[in-house]
Amino acid sequence: MKSVKSPLISVQNEIKNLLKKGIIEGVFPAAAAGIFQGLGKEKKVFTSFYGNAAIYPEKRVLKKNNFFDLASLTKPLATTMAILCLMKEKKIDIDETLPSLLEIKIKGKKRKIKAKHLLNHSSGLPAHREYFKMLKDIPQKEKSKVVENLILQERQEYIPGTASIYSDLGFMLLGLIVEKKSGCGLEYYVEEKVLKPLNLEKKIFYKPLFQEKSRFDKKDFVATENCPWRKKILSGEVHDDNCYTMGGVGGHSGLFGNIEGVTAYTAKILEMWKGVTEHPNIKKEDLEYFLSRQQNISGSTWGLGFDTPAIKESSSGNFFSRKSIGHLGFTGTSFWLDPDKNVGIVLLTNRIHPSRENNKIKLFRPYFHDRVMKILFPQSK
């Protein structure tokens, strides 16, 4: 008599085969996927992982609990959620402007930039600047103020609220605003207010460079790039150059997480959105406002802290609904959540190991999402 595989094992095997395909085709050396379907007690969770956490300087097989550099997933999962906590504490308002947010005098048009402009990338600030070249020789305690001044000196590229350019600089400012309004370090506030109530602080965290002792070894982390200016393969050290010179903690980058943690966290966000569970430090009405608020800016997909699917060629593929939210990370990470189908897909990879020149992830992401959705919803066409 033949043994019958459970549907859970069958789905996990199919997902692992997709990850193997990505490795064979050179999309990444390793990947971990977390998929959940349903809410609360009805929720089914599938996780799978495969490949090498490092291939240089020596091969190291990926383990389920290895931590990935989440890169820009920091923006929604740390900074945006921290802003929501500060809103509940009545320490910040979504329409508050920069002079009040940073508690300084600001001349010129930048004084009209609001918190919501920073969150939905419509502030007029440039996308990126290589501040790390200027910051590396500045004492650690002075870096936050220097970064703040550098950003405020930038020329605005458009009037706030009239266009949208994805901006690291906007979220770097938001990280500084969280510290200013909370009175403590960003990493501490995110851990205490956002992650600890969900029991996720040991699975998702910032890793400050100035920490005297770390509870983790380098081998607990997935390797990223062979950094051209740090002259080494990075592992357990934030990849983003600006974040690194800021001490490993930023509003735009710096978060690390394993597949179990990121899957559980994103599932909680969807359940909070749908009213199935609560977060003691976040108001449901505020979260709903953030997750359902899209701009009226032509061509923009950005909501408040989260992205939404593009009409054409979305990284989420073809089967996530228009109400879905998600985000991508430069290191090869992503998540998408669909409130209509009550489904979420997390994909963590080290596609920049050993080089950021590998861009095959752009085609693999939508392919992966479409294949998974067809596995979960066979009627999808």
Protein backbone atom coordinates (compact mmCIF):
# COMPACT_ATOMS: atom_id res chain seq x y z
CA MET A 1 0.00 0.00 0.00
CA LYS A 2 1.49 3.38 -1.08
CA SER A 3 1.90 6.11 1.49
CA VAL A 4 0.11 9.34 0.63
CA LYS A 5 2.02 12.61 1.03
CA SER A 6 0.25 15.30 3.04
CA PRO A 7 -0.70 18.46 1.09
CA LEU A 8 1.73 20.43 3.31
CA ILE A 9 4.71 18.27 2.35
CA SER A 10 3.67 18.37 -1.30
CA VAL A 11 3.54 22.20 -1.32
CA GLN A 12 6.89 22.47 0.49
CA ASN A 13 8.51 20.11 -2.01
CA GLU A 14 7.20 22.12 -4.95
CA ILE A 15 8.48 25.35 -3.40
CA LYS A 16 11.90 23.80 -2.75
CA ASN A 17 12.04 22.75 -6.42
CA LEU A 18 11.47 26.39 -7.40
CA LEU A 19 14.33 27.48 -5.15
CA LYS A 20 16.57 24.79 -6.67
CA LYS A 21 15.67 26.12 -10.12
CA GLY A 22 16.79 29.61 -9.07
CA ILE A 23 20.12 28.24 -7.88
CA ILE A 24 20.70 26.13 -11.01
CA GLU A 25 19.98 29.19 -13.18
CA GLY A 26 22.42 31.34 -11.17
CA VAL A 27 19.81 33.70 -9.70
CA PHE A 28 21.28 33.32 -6.21
CA PRO A 29 23.50 30.89 -4.26
CA ALA A 30 20.80 30.36 -1.58
CA ALA A 31 17.18 31.16 -0.88
CA ALA A 32 14.55 30.65 1.79
CA ALA A 33 10.82 31.02 1.20
CA GLY A 34 7.95 31.43 3.64
CA ILE A 35 4.37 31.17 2.47
CA PHE A 36 1.23 31.45 4.56
CA GLN A 37 -2.40 31.04 3.62
CA GLY A 38 -5.33 31.90 5.88
CA LEU A 39 -5.59 33.79 9.15
CA GLY A 40 -5.42 32.90 12.83
CA LYS A 41 -5.99 29.25 13.72
CA GLU A 42 -6.91 28.48 10.09
CA LYS A 43 -3.52 29.65 8.83
CA LYS A 44 -1.23 27.21 7.04
CA VAL A 45 2.46 28.03 6.91
CA PHE A 46 5.03 26.55 4.52
CA THR A 47 8.76 27.23 4.70
CA SER A 48 11.54 25.93 2.51
CA PHE A 49 15.25 26.69 2.09
CA TYR A 50 18.05 25.53 -0.15
CA GLY A 51 21.57 26.35 -1.31
CA ASN A 52 24.75 27.77 0.15
CA ALA A 53 24.77 30.58 2.70
CA ALA A 54 28.24 31.32 1.35
CA ILE A 55 30.27 30.17 -1.63
CA TYR A 56 33.31 32.38 -0.91
CA PRO A 57 35.79 32.20 0.70
CA GLU A 58 34.45 28.69 1.32
CA LYS A 59 31.13 26.93 0.83
CA ARG A 60 28.70 26.93 3.72
CA VAL A 61 25.31 25.21 3.46
CA LEU A 62 22.25 27.34 4.25
CA LYS A 63 20.47 26.43 7.48
CA LYS A 64 16.83 27.19 8.24
CA ASN A 65 17.66 29.62 11.05
CA ASN A 66 20.37 31.56 9.17
CA PHE A 67 19.85 35.32 9.09
CA PHE A 68 19.60 37.32 5.86
CA ASP A 69 20.46 40.99 5.44
CA LEU A 70 16.92 42.31 4.86
CA ALA A 71 18.17 45.58 3.29
CA SER A 72 15.21 47.85 2.41
CA LEU A 73 12.66 45.57 4.09
CA THR A 74 13.88 47.65 7.05
CA LYS A 75 11.75 50.52 5.72
CA PRO A 76 8.33 48.87 6.26
CA LEU A 77 9.21 46.30 8.94
CA ALA A 78 11.19 48.59 11.28
CA THR A 79 10.87 52.30 10.52
CA THR A 80 7.25 52.41 9.33
CA MET A 81 6.05 50.27 12.24
CA ALA A 82 8.04 52.46 14.65
CA ILE A 83 6.28 55.53 13.25
CA LEU A 84 2.94 53.80 13.90
CA CYS A 85 3.99 53.19 17.52
CA LEU A 86 4.93 56.86 17.93
CA MET A 87 1.55 57.85 16.49
CA LYS A 88 -0.22 55.84 19.18
CA GLU A 89 1.96 57.56 21.79
CA LYS A 90 0.85 60.87 20.22
CA LYS A 91 4.48 61.85 19.70
CA ILE A 92 4.13 62.22 15.95
CA ASP A 93 1.46 63.12 13.41
CA ILE A 94 1.34 62.02 9.78
CA ASP A 95 0.89 65.63 8.61
CA GLU A 96 3.61 67.04 10.85
CA THR A 97 6.33 68.93 8.97
CA LEU A 98 10.12 68.64 9.19
CA PRO A 99 10.79 71.59 11.55
CA SER A 100 8.50 69.99 14.14
CA LEU A 101 9.61 66.42 13.37
CA LEU A 102 13.31 67.19 13.72
CA GLU A 103 12.79 69.92 16.33
CA ILE A 104 14.96 72.42 14.44
CA LYS A 105 14.51 75.52 12.31
CA ILE A 106 14.46 74.84 8.58
CA LYS A 107 14.49 77.49 5.88
CA GLY A 108 13.20 77.09 2.34
CA LYS A 109 10.84 74.60 0.75
CA LYS A 110 11.99 71.63 2.83
CA ARG A 111 10.12 73.04 5.82
CA LYS A 112 6.91 71.93 4.05
CA ILE A 113 7.92 68.27 3.83
CA LYS A 114 5.54 66.16 5.95
CA ALA A 115 5.97 62.74 7.57
CA LYS A 116 3.63 61.24 4.98
CA HIS A 117 5.80 62.62 2.14
CA LEU A 118 8.80 60.77 3.57
CA LEU A 119 6.78 57.57 4.02
CA ASN A 120 5.40 57.49 0.47
CA HIS A 121 8.54 58.72 -1.28
CA SER A 122 7.02 62.00 -2.44
CA SER A 123 9.21 64.40 -0.43
CA GLY A 124 11.24 65.68 -3.37
CA LEU A 125 14.48 64.31 -1.89
CA PRO A 126 16.92 62.51 -4.21
CA ALA A 127 16.92 58.71 -4.37
CA HIS A 128 20.42 58.05 -3.07
CA ARG A 129 23.71 59.67 -2.14
CA GLU A 130 27.07 58.07 -1.29
CA TYR A 131 27.40 59.71 2.11
CA PHE A 132 29.57 56.85 3.36
CA LYS A 133 32.57 58.37 1.61
CA MET A 134 32.24 61.45 3.83
CA LEU A 135 31.10 59.68 7.00
CA LYS A 136 33.79 57.04 7.46
CA ASP A 137 36.23 59.37 9.27
CA ILE A 138 33.64 61.16 11.45
CA PRO A 139 33.27 60.09 15.14
CA GLN A 140 30.29 57.78 15.69
CA LYS A 141 28.45 60.11 18.08
CA GLU A 142 28.50 62.92 15.50
CA LYS A 143 27.29 60.92 12.50
CA SER A 144 23.54 61.29 13.02
CA LYS A 145 23.73 65.07 13.03
CA VAL A 146 26.05 65.07 9.99
CA VAL A 147 23.63 62.82 8.06
CA GLU A 148 20.71 65.07 9.01
CA ASN A 149 22.58 68.15 7.79
CA LEU A 150 23.69 66.49 4.55
CA ILE A 151 20.12 65.49 3.69
CA LEU A 152 18.72 68.91 4.54
CA GLN A 153 21.34 70.50 2.27
CA GLU A 154 20.21 68.43 -0.73
CA ARG A 155 18.41 70.20 -3.54
CA GLN A 156 14.78 69.11 -3.81
CA GLU A 157 13.99 67.52 -7.15
CA TYR A 158 10.27 68.41 -7.12
CA ILE A 159 7.59 69.99 -4.91
CA PRO A 160 6.52 67.55 -2.14
CA GLY A 161 3.42 65.56 -3.02
CA THR A 162 3.59 66.25 -6.77
CA ALA A 163 5.77 63.31 -7.84
CA SER A 164 7.31 60.17 -6.39
CA ILE A 165 10.93 58.99 -6.44
CA TYR A 166 11.93 56.03 -4.25
CA SER A 167 14.31 57.60 -1.74
CA ASP A 168 16.69 56.09 0.80
CA LEU A 169 17.29 59.62 2.06
CA GLY A 170 13.67 60.06 3.13
CA PHE A 171 13.82 56.93 5.29
CA MET A 172 17.22 57.85 6.68
CA LEU A 173 15.51 61.02 7.94
CA LEU A 174 12.59 59.00 9.32
CA GLY A 175 15.03 56.86 11.30
CA LEU A 176 16.51 60.01 12.82
CA ILE A 177 12.99 61.31 13.55
CA VAL A 178 12.13 58.09 15.42
CA GLU A 179 15.23 58.58 17.58
CA LYS A 180 14.43 62.24 18.20
CA LYS A 181 10.78 61.60 19.16
CA SER A 182 11.37 58.43 21.17
CA GLY A 183 14.46 59.66 22.99
CA CYS A 184 16.37 56.43 22.35
CA GLY A 185 18.26 54.57 19.64
CA LEU A 186 16.28 53.33 16.64
CA GLU A 187 17.41 49.73 17.21
CA TYR A 188 16.26 49.84 20.85
CA TYR A 189 12.88 51.41 20.05
CA VAL A 190 12.14 48.90 17.26
CA GLU A 191 13.11 45.98 19.49
CA GLU A 192 11.14 47.12 22.55
CA LYS A 193 8.04 48.64 20.97
CA VAL A 194 7.61 46.74 17.69
CA LEU A 195 9.22 43.30 17.91
CA LYS A 196 9.12 42.22 21.56
CA PRO A 197 5.31 42.30 21.80
CA LEU A 198 5.31 39.79 18.91
CA ASN A 199 8.10 37.65 20.47
CA LEU A 200 10.21 38.19 17.36
CA GLU A 201 13.20 40.12 18.71
CA LYS A 202 15.49 37.07 18.48
CA LYS A 203 14.53 36.36 14.86
CA ILE A 204 14.51 39.93 13.48
CA PHE A 205 16.89 42.61 14.72
CA TYR A 206 19.37 45.37 14.01
CA LYS A 207 23.02 44.45 14.50
CA PRO A 208 24.85 47.63 15.56
CA LEU A 209 28.55 47.63 14.72
CA PHE A 210 29.40 49.17 18.09
CA GLN A 211 27.85 46.32 20.11
CA GLU A 212 30.47 44.97 22.50
CA LYS A 213 29.15 41.43 22.33
CA SER A 214 26.95 39.69 19.79
CA ARG A 215 24.89 36.62 20.61
CA PHE A 216 25.54 35.35 17.08
CA ASP A 217 28.51 34.07 15.11
CA LYS A 218 29.33 35.13 11.53
CA LYS A 219 28.29 31.64 10.41
CA ASP A 220 24.74 32.37 11.60
CA PHE A 221 24.44 34.87 8.74
CA VAL A 222 24.06 34.54 4.99
CA ALA A 223 26.98 36.12 3.12
CA THR A 224 26.39 39.08 0.81
CA GLU A 225 28.79 41.00 -1.38
CA ASN A 226 32.55 40.99 -1.75
CA CYS A 227 32.66 44.66 -0.76
CA PRO A 228 35.04 46.64 -2.99
CA TRP A 229 35.97 49.18 -0.29
CA ARG A 230 35.77 47.04 2.87
CA LYS A 231 37.88 44.48 0.95
CA LYS A 232 36.07 41.39 2.26
CA ILE A 233 33.02 39.14 1.88
CA LEU A 234 30.34 40.56 4.16
CA SER A 235 28.62 38.23 6.62
CA GLY A 236 26.71 39.48 9.63
CA GLU A 237 27.71 43.01 8.69
CA VAL A 238 25.17 45.26 6.99
CA HIS A 239 25.68 45.52 3.23
CA ASP A 240 24.33 49.04 2.69
CA ASP A 241 27.32 51.40 2.68
CA ASN A 242 25.57 54.40 4.23
CA CYS A 243 24.03 52.24 6.96
CA TYR A 244 27.41 50.68 7.70
CA THR A 245 29.09 54.05 8.23
CA MET A 246 26.14 55.13 10.39
CA GLY A 247 26.97 52.25 12.75
CA GLY A 248 24.83 49.50 11.23
CA VAL A 249 21.48 51.09 12.13
CA GLY A 250 19.40 53.19 9.74
CA GLY A 251 15.81 54.00 8.88
CA HIS A 252 16.43 52.68 5.38
CA SER A 253 18.49 49.54 6.07
CA GLY A 254 20.18 47.49 8.80
CA LEU A 255 17.61 44.86 9.75
CA PHE A 256 18.51 41.14 9.74
CA GLY A 257 16.02 38.28 9.92
CA ASN A 258 15.54 34.56 9.31
CA ILE A 259 12.77 33.04 7.23
CA GLU A 260 10.74 31.91 10.23
CA GLY A 261 10.83 35.37 11.77
CA VAL A 262 10.01 37.38 8.63
CA THR A 263 7.20 34.99 7.68
CA ALA A 264 5.68 35.16 11.17
CA TYR A 265 6.02 38.95 11.25
CA THR A 266 4.41 39.60 7.88
CA ALA A 267 1.60 37.16 8.77
CA LYS A 268 1.00 39.20 11.94
CA ILE A 269 0.85 42.43 9.92
CA LEU A 270 -1.83 40.93 7.67
CA GLU A 271 -3.76 39.62 10.69
CA MET A 272 -3.55 43.03 12.40
CA TRP A 273 -4.81 44.62 9.17
CA LYS A 274 -7.73 42.19 9.03
CA GLY A 275 -8.56 42.59 12.73
CA VAL A 276 -7.70 38.99 13.66
CA THR A 277 -4.95 39.99 16.11
CA GLU A 278 -3.79 43.17 17.85
CA HIS A 279 -0.49 44.88 18.57
CA PRO A 280 -0.43 46.64 21.96
CA ASN A 281 1.57 49.60 20.61
CA ILE A 282 -0.16 50.14 17.26
CA LYS A 283 -3.70 51.36 16.62
CA LYS A 284 -5.62 49.26 14.11
CA GLU A 285 -7.10 52.40 12.51
CA ASP A 286 -3.63 53.85 11.91
CA LEU A 287 -2.35 50.59 10.40
CA GLU A 288 -5.40 50.35 8.13
CA TYR A 289 -4.83 53.94 7.02
CA PHE A 290 -1.20 53.17 6.14
CA LEU A 291 -1.93 49.93 4.30
CA SER A 292 -4.88 51.17 2.29
CA ARG A 293 -3.57 54.63 1.45
CA GLN A 294 -2.30 54.99 -2.10
CA GLN A 295 -1.19 58.24 -3.69
CA ASN A 296 -2.95 60.09 -6.43
CA ILE A 297 0.39 60.61 -8.17
CA SER A 298 0.55 59.35 -11.74
CA GLY A 299 2.82 56.33 -12.10
CA SER A 300 3.44 55.88 -8.38
CA THR A 301 2.80 52.57 -6.62
CA TRP A 302 3.88 53.78 -3.18
CA GLY A 303 1.63 53.80 -0.15
CA LEU A 304 2.75 54.82 3.34
CA GLY A 305 5.87 52.78 4.01
CA PHE A 306 4.78 49.93 1.75
CA ASP A 307 4.71 49.35 -2.00
CA THR A 308 1.72 48.09 -4.01
CA PRO A 309 1.70 46.01 -7.22
CA ALA A 310 2.51 47.82 -10.44
CA ILE A 311 -0.14 47.48 -13.14
CA LYS A 312 2.43 46.01 -15.53
CA GLU A 313 5.44 43.80 -14.78
CA SER A 314 5.04 43.85 -11.01
CA SER A 315 7.60 41.90 -8.98
CA SER A 316 4.58 40.32 -7.26
CA GLY A 317 3.58 38.60 -10.51
CA ASN A 318 0.10 38.44 -11.98
CA PHE A 319 -2.06 37.03 -9.19
CA PHE A 320 -1.77 39.39 -6.22
CA SER A 321 -4.78 41.69 -5.93
CA ARG A 322 -4.56 45.47 -6.34
CA LYS A 323 -4.99 45.88 -2.56
CA SER A 324 -1.79 43.92 -1.88
CA ILE A 325 1.22 45.46 -0.15
CA GLY A 326 4.89 44.50 -0.19
CA HIS A 327 8.47 45.64 -0.48
CA LEU A 328 11.78 44.63 -2.07
CA GLY A 329 15.32 44.64 -0.65
CA PHE A 330 18.48 45.21 -2.68
CA THR A 331 20.17 42.09 -1.29
CA GLY A 332 17.48 39.91 -2.90
CA THR A 333 14.73 39.95 -0.28
CA SER A 334 11.00 40.62 -0.64
CA PHE A 335 7.52 40.04 0.75
CA TRP A 336 4.01 40.44 -0.63
CA LEU A 337 0.74 40.27 1.33
CA ASP A 338 -2.72 39.95 -0.22
CA PRO A 339 -5.68 40.91 2.02
CA ASP A 340 -8.21 39.58 -0.51
CA LYS A 341 -6.72 36.09 -0.71
CA ASN A 342 -5.31 36.13 2.85
CA VAL A 343 -1.96 34.95 1.56
CA GLY A 344 1.63 36.09 1.98
CA ILE A 345 4.88 35.18 0.25
CA VAL A 346 8.33 35.95 1.65
CA LEU A 347 11.44 35.33 -0.44
CA LEU A 348 14.88 35.82 1.12
CA THR A 349 17.98 35.34 -1.05
CA ASN A 350 21.65 36.34 -1.22
CA ARG A 351 21.56 37.31 -4.89
CA ILE A 352 24.42 39.83 -4.41
CA HIS A 353 26.84 37.11 -3.23
CA PRO A 354 29.51 37.58 -4.37
CA SER A 355 28.54 40.51 -6.64
CA ARG A 356 25.68 42.99 -7.00
CA GLU A 357 26.05 42.74 -10.79
CA ASN A 358 23.78 39.66 -10.72
CA ASN A 359 20.30 40.99 -11.62
CA LYS A 360 18.55 37.74 -12.54
CA ILE A 361 16.28 38.17 -9.50
CA LYS A 362 14.21 40.72 -11.47
CA LEU A 363 12.78 37.99 -13.71
CA PHE A 364 12.77 35.27 -11.06
CA ARG A 365 10.65 37.15 -8.49
CA PRO A 366 7.44 37.43 -10.59
CA TYR A 367 7.98 33.90 -11.93
CA PHE A 368 8.33 32.56 -8.37
CA HIS A 369 5.23 34.41 -7.13
CA ASP A 370 3.12 33.22 -10.07
CA ARG A 371 4.21 29.60 -9.60
CA VAL A 372 3.48 29.68 -5.86
CA MET A 373 0.07 31.28 -6.37
CA LYS A 374 -0.82 28.58 -8.89
CA ILE A 375 0.20 25.92 -6.35
CA LEU A 376 -1.95 27.53 -3.65
CA PHE A 377 -4.81 28.44 -5.99
CA PRO A 378 -4.88 25.88 -8.84
CA GLN A 379 -7.77 27.76 -10.46
CA SER A 380 -5.53 30.81 -11.07
CA LYS A 381 -5.06 31.61 -14.77
